[in-house]
């Protein structure tokens, strides 16, 4: 029997697709009004208000799916603070607690610094499983960061030591130092382009964070999933099955879907949602 929730989800999917189409078409017709791949501040305020109101009205579909979940927010260079702040607010509305925000620096994500990043991980976390055993440098880096940021609620001395080493090495910044270990990670990327290796690095690091906890998601605006974009690289990675992805954080509805994707990841289901470039459709079912 087709239940009420099915009808609601179907309606949301249709309306969300229409919104995606509207903004995509508007951007194509008026490319000068788009800056950095996002919706122009000159866009009709009534349209923006409708889109935000629709996201708020649909938030009940996520419900309290993150209740008692501790979420770490990770950003990459260029991530928009307005999107990060709204995502954090929506995590709270879904019952989750943001335990901290960590910024991965350009230095960490630059493959030219691979040996330096690996040495920091090896020195600070030499006894951590995965740091010494993996053949991949950035899997080792991710394993060290996972030990410092994910897991049980209590952050012990080793976790603090690893975080300090990465911060002093210029590989991470701590806009909001974690107060507890996290069991979910949400990685927010910006619209800026990147070299060919950055998506692969981000995939390796995120996979370690997600699998050390209960799941995770990498999310960003629609420009990140075009050919050569960071999210397109992330989705093509061998690690793609360990986290979810969403490529519409430049829309309020997209940020709702990002939190929904995190809920699904916590439940053991990962996927790629957002624009028509997303393999699993506009939003989780």
Protein backbone atom coordinates (compact mmCIF):
# COMPACT_ATOMS: atom_id res chain seq x y z
CA UNK A 1 0.00 0.00 0.00
CA UNK A 2 1.27 3.46 -0.87
CA UNK A 3 1.32 5.42 2.38
CA UNK A 4 1.11 9.11 3.14
CA UNK A 5 4.88 9.45 3.57
CA UNK A 6 5.40 8.12 0.05
CA UNK A 7 3.14 10.84 -1.34
CA UNK A 8 4.94 13.52 0.66
CA UNK A 9 8.38 12.35 -0.43
CA UNK A 10 7.22 12.15 -4.05
CA UNK A 11 5.82 15.68 -3.91
CA UNK A 12 9.01 16.99 -2.35
CA UNK A 13 11.06 15.29 -5.06
CA UNK A 14 8.99 16.92 -7.81
CA UNK A 15 9.10 20.38 -6.24
CA UNK A 16 12.80 20.03 -5.50
CA UNK A 17 13.49 19.05 -9.09
CA UNK A 18 11.53 22.09 -10.27
CA UNK A 19 13.58 24.32 -8.00
CA UNK A 20 16.83 22.82 -9.27
CA UNK A 21 15.66 23.32 -12.84
CA UNK A 22 14.57 26.88 -12.17
CA UNK A 23 17.85 28.00 -10.67
CA UNK A 24 19.95 26.07 -13.19
CA UNK A 25 18.01 27.60 -16.07
CA UNK A 26 18.20 31.05 -14.55
CA UNK A 27 21.96 30.72 -14.20
CA UNK A 28 22.32 29.70 -17.86
CA UNK A 29 20.15 32.57 -19.08
CA UNK A 30 21.91 35.12 -16.89
CA UNK A 31 25.51 33.93 -16.35
CA UNK A 32 26.70 37.40 -15.32
CA UNK A 33 24.44 37.28 -12.29
CA UNK A 34 26.17 34.20 -10.85
CA UNK A 35 29.34 34.67 -8.84
CA UNK A 36 31.51 31.71 -7.86
CA UNK A 37 28.88 29.20 -8.95
CA UNK A 38 26.19 30.27 -6.48
CA UNK A 39 22.91 32.15 -6.67
CA UNK A 40 23.44 35.88 -7.18
CA UNK A 41 22.58 38.22 -4.32
CA UNK A 42 20.71 40.19 -7.01
CA UNK A 43 18.23 37.34 -7.51
CA UNK A 44 14.61 38.17 -6.84
CA UNK A 45 14.22 38.23 -3.06
CA UNK A 46 10.73 36.73 -3.31
CA UNK A 47 12.14 33.71 -5.16
CA UNK A 48 14.86 33.28 -2.55
CA UNK A 49 12.28 33.55 0.23
CA UNK A 50 10.14 30.86 -1.41
CA UNK A 51 13.08 28.50 -1.75
CA UNK A 52 14.08 28.98 1.90
CA UNK A 53 10.49 28.57 3.09
CA UNK A 54 10.13 25.35 1.09
CA UNK A 55 13.26 23.96 2.75
CA UNK A 56 11.96 24.86 6.18
CA UNK A 57 8.54 23.36 5.47
CA UNK A 58 10.15 20.12 4.27
CA UNK A 59 12.42 19.77 7.28
CA UNK A 60 9.91 17.42 8.91
CA UNK A 61 10.99 14.71 6.44
CA UNK A 62 14.36 14.62 8.21
CA UNK A 63 12.69 14.86 11.61
CA UNK A 64 15.01 14.07 14.49
CA UNK A 65 17.07 11.60 12.49
CA UNK A 66 20.28 12.90 14.08
CA UNK A 67 19.06 12.63 17.68
CA UNK A 68 21.94 11.91 20.07
CA UNK A 69 24.41 12.10 17.18
CA UNK A 70 27.64 14.05 17.57
CA UNK A 71 28.59 15.69 14.26
CA UNK A 72 31.97 17.09 13.26
CA UNK A 73 31.85 19.78 10.55
CA UNK A 74 34.92 19.82 8.32
CA UNK A 75 35.51 22.56 5.74
CA UNK A 76 37.86 22.97 2.81
CA UNK A 77 39.30 26.27 1.49
CA UNK A 78 36.55 28.36 -0.11
CA UNK A 79 33.64 26.82 1.77
CA UNK A 80 31.00 29.49 2.22
CA UNK A 81 30.42 30.45 5.84
CA UNK A 82 26.72 31.10 5.19
CA UNK A 83 26.27 27.52 3.97
CA UNK A 84 28.32 26.09 6.85
CA UNK A 85 26.29 28.05 9.41
CA UNK A 86 22.96 27.00 7.89
CA UNK A 87 24.02 23.35 7.73
CA UNK A 88 25.02 23.48 11.41
CA UNK A 89 21.62 24.96 12.25
CA UNK A 90 19.82 22.22 10.32
CA UNK A 91 21.89 19.54 12.06
CA UNK A 92 20.67 20.96 15.36
CA UNK A 93 17.08 21.00 14.12
CA UNK A 94 17.43 17.30 13.27
CA UNK A 95 18.46 16.57 16.86
CA UNK A 96 22.23 16.41 16.30
CA UNK A 97 24.99 18.24 18.14
CA UNK A 98 27.85 19.91 16.26
CA UNK A 99 30.84 19.13 18.48
CA UNK A 100 33.36 21.22 16.55
CA UNK A 101 34.53 22.63 13.23
CA UNK A 102 37.84 21.73 11.61
CA UNK A 103 39.21 23.44 8.49
CA UNK A 104 41.46 21.44 6.19
CA UNK A 105 44.05 23.85 4.78
CA UNK A 106 45.38 24.26 1.26
CA UNK A 107 48.67 22.91 2.59
CA UNK A 108 47.05 19.61 3.54
CA UNK A 109 45.13 19.29 0.28
CA UNK A 110 48.13 20.10 -1.94
CA UNK A 111 49.70 16.86 -3.16
CA UNK A 112 53.10 18.58 -3.21
CA UNK A 113 53.00 18.39 0.60
CA UNK A 114 52.22 14.68 0.70
CA UNK A 115 55.44 13.63 2.44
CA UNK A 116 55.19 16.40 5.03
CA UNK A 117 51.58 15.52 5.88
CA UNK A 118 52.47 11.85 6.09
CA UNK A 119 55.39 12.59 8.42
CA UNK A 120 53.14 14.58 10.77
CA UNK A 121 50.71 11.66 10.89
CA UNK A 122 53.48 9.13 11.47
CA UNK A 123 55.08 11.11 14.28
CA UNK A 124 51.91 12.08 16.11
CA UNK A 125 49.94 8.86 15.67
CA UNK A 126 52.47 6.09 15.03
CA UNK A 127 50.58 3.58 17.18
CA UNK A 128 47.19 4.23 15.56
CA UNK A 129 45.87 1.40 13.35
CA UNK A 130 45.98 2.44 9.70
CA UNK A 131 48.71 5.04 10.09
CA UNK A 132 51.56 2.57 9.72
CA UNK A 133 49.78 -0.21 7.83
CA UNK A 134 48.38 1.60 4.78
CA UNK A 135 50.33 2.07 1.57
CA UNK A 136 48.45 5.29 0.80
CA UNK A 137 49.80 8.49 2.34
CA UNK A 138 46.46 10.24 2.69
CA UNK A 139 44.76 7.18 4.14
CA UNK A 140 47.42 7.41 6.85
CA UNK A 141 46.71 11.10 7.30
CA UNK A 142 42.99 10.40 7.49
CA UNK A 143 43.51 7.63 10.03
CA UNK A 144 45.50 9.98 12.25
CA UNK A 145 42.83 12.69 12.01
CA UNK A 146 40.11 10.14 12.71
CA UNK A 147 41.89 9.15 15.92
CA UNK A 148 42.02 12.82 16.91
CA UNK A 149 38.44 13.74 16.02
CA UNK A 150 36.12 10.72 15.82
CA UNK A 151 34.98 7.95 18.13
CA UNK A 152 33.94 8.06 21.76
CA UNK A 153 32.60 11.18 23.40
CA UNK A 154 35.76 11.72 25.44
CA UNK A 155 38.79 13.21 23.69
CA UNK A 156 41.90 11.80 25.36
CA UNK A 157 45.47 13.08 25.52
CA UNK A 158 46.54 11.29 22.33
CA UNK A 159 43.70 12.91 20.41
CA UNK A 160 44.77 16.32 21.67
CA UNK A 161 48.41 15.63 20.76
CA UNK A 162 47.52 14.66 17.18
CA UNK A 163 45.30 17.72 16.70
CA UNK A 164 48.04 19.99 18.03
CA UNK A 165 50.61 18.48 15.67
CA UNK A 166 48.39 18.94 12.62
CA UNK A 167 47.48 22.48 13.65
CA UNK A 168 51.09 23.50 14.32
CA UNK A 169 52.10 21.98 10.99
CA UNK A 170 49.58 24.23 9.21
CA UNK A 171 47.54 21.26 7.95
CA UNK A 172 44.35 22.11 9.81
CA UNK A 173 42.79 25.11 11.52
CA UNK A 174 40.32 24.88 14.38
CA UNK A 175 37.61 27.56 14.02
CA UNK A 176 35.74 25.73 16.77
CA UNK A 177 37.90 23.24 18.64
CA UNK A 178 36.06 19.93 19.14
CA UNK A 179 34.62 19.45 22.60
CA UNK A 180 33.88 15.75 22.09
CA UNK A 181 34.68 12.98 19.68
CA UNK A 182 32.21 12.74 16.79
CA UNK A 183 30.33 9.78 15.38
CA UNK A 184 29.40 11.50 12.09
CA UNK A 185 31.33 13.86 9.83
CA UNK A 186 29.96 16.45 7.39
CA UNK A 187 32.59 17.80 4.96
CA UNK A 188 31.60 21.10 3.31
CA UNK A 189 33.50 22.15 0.20
CA UNK A 190 33.48 25.46 -1.66
CA UNK A 191 32.92 26.31 -5.35
CA UNK A 192 36.55 27.06 -6.19
CA UNK A 193 38.31 24.81 -8.69
CA UNK A 194 41.14 22.56 -7.60
CA UNK A 195 43.99 20.52 -9.01
CA UNK A 196 43.33 16.97 -10.14
CA UNK A 197 44.58 15.42 -6.91
CA UNK A 198 42.49 17.37 -4.42
CA UNK A 199 39.32 15.31 -4.81
CA UNK A 200 41.28 12.08 -4.37
CA UNK A 201 42.95 13.45 -1.22
CA UNK A 202 39.63 14.56 0.20
CA UNK A 203 38.09 11.16 -0.56
CA UNK A 204 40.89 9.33 1.26
CA UNK A 205 40.74 11.55 4.34
CA UNK A 206 36.94 11.58 4.53
CA UNK A 207 36.68 7.82 4.14
CA UNK A 208 38.81 7.36 7.25
CA UNK A 209 36.75 9.85 9.24
CA UNK A 210 33.44 8.30 8.13
CA UNK A 211 34.40 4.69 8.73
CA UNK A 212 35.91 5.50 12.12
CA UNK A 213 32.48 6.72 13.15
CA UNK A 214 28.97 5.88 12.02
CA UNK A 215 29.12 7.59 8.62
CA UNK A 216 29.60 10.87 6.82
CA UNK A 217 28.86 13.04 3.81
CA UNK A 218 30.77 15.40 1.51
CA UNK A 219 28.62 18.28 0.27
CA UNK A 220 29.10 21.37 -1.88
CA UNK A 221 27.48 23.67 -4.45
CA UNK A 222 26.48 22.51 -7.93
CA UNK A 223 29.67 23.74 -9.61
CA UNK A 224 31.69 21.14 -7.70
CA UNK A 225 30.14 18.20 -9.58
CA UNK A 226 30.93 19.34 -13.13
CA UNK A 227 33.68 17.57 -15.05
CA UNK A 228 36.93 18.09 -13.15
CA UNK A 229 35.18 19.49 -10.09
CA UNK A 230 36.20 18.39 -6.62
CA UNK A 231 32.94 16.55 -5.90
CA UNK A 232 33.05 14.86 -9.30
CA UNK A 233 36.52 13.56 -8.37
CA UNK A 234 35.28 12.49 -4.94
CA UNK A 235 32.40 10.54 -6.49
CA UNK A 236 34.77 8.79 -8.90
CA UNK A 237 37.08 7.67 -6.10
CA UNK A 238 37.41 4.06 -5.00
CA UNK A 239 36.42 5.30 -1.52
CA UNK A 240 33.05 6.63 -2.72
CA UNK A 241 31.01 3.91 -1.04
CA UNK A 242 32.11 4.98 2.44
CA UNK A 243 30.29 8.35 2.47
CA UNK A 244 27.36 10.17 0.87
CA UNK A 245 27.60 13.20 -1.44
CA UNK A 246 25.27 16.12 -2.22
CA UNK A 247 25.99 18.82 -4.83
CA UNK A 248 23.32 21.48 -4.15
CA UNK A 249 24.36 23.31 -0.97
CA UNK A 250 23.92 26.62 -2.77
CA UNK A 251 20.16 26.07 -2.30
CA UNK A 252 18.38 25.97 1.06
CA UNK A 253 16.59 22.82 -0.10
CA UNK A 254 19.98 21.38 -1.01
CA UNK A 255 21.26 21.97 2.50
CA UNK A 256 18.22 20.15 3.81
CA UNK A 257 19.08 17.24 1.51
CA UNK A 258 22.68 17.36 2.79
CA UNK A 259 21.47 16.77 6.34
CA UNK A 260 19.08 14.09 5.09
CA UNK A 261 22.04 12.38 3.39
CA UNK A 262 23.90 12.43 6.69
CA UNK A 263 20.91 10.77 8.36
CA UNK A 264 20.89 8.08 5.69
CA UNK A 265 24.62 7.52 6.04
CA UNK A 266 24.20 7.08 9.79
CA UNK A 267 21.61 4.42 8.97
CA UNK A 268 24.06 2.55 6.76
CA UNK A 269 22.96 3.85 3.33
CA UNK A 270 25.29 6.04 1.29
CA UNK A 271 24.43 7.67 -2.02
CA UNK A 272 24.97 10.60 -4.37
CA UNK A 273 22.09 13.11 -4.42
CA UNK A 274 21.35 16.56 -5.83
CA UNK A 275 21.57 17.67 -9.46
CA UNK A 276 21.04 15.46 -12.50
CA UNK A 277 24.75 14.64 -12.25
CA UNK A 278 23.98 12.72 -9.05
CA UNK A 279 23.62 8.99 -9.54
CA UNK A 280 20.84 8.48 -6.99
CA UNK A 281 18.50 11.33 -7.88
CA UNK A 282 17.47 14.60 -6.26
CA UNK A 283 17.03 13.35 -2.69
CA UNK A 284 17.02 10.17 -0.62
CA UNK A 285 13.86 8.06 -0.75
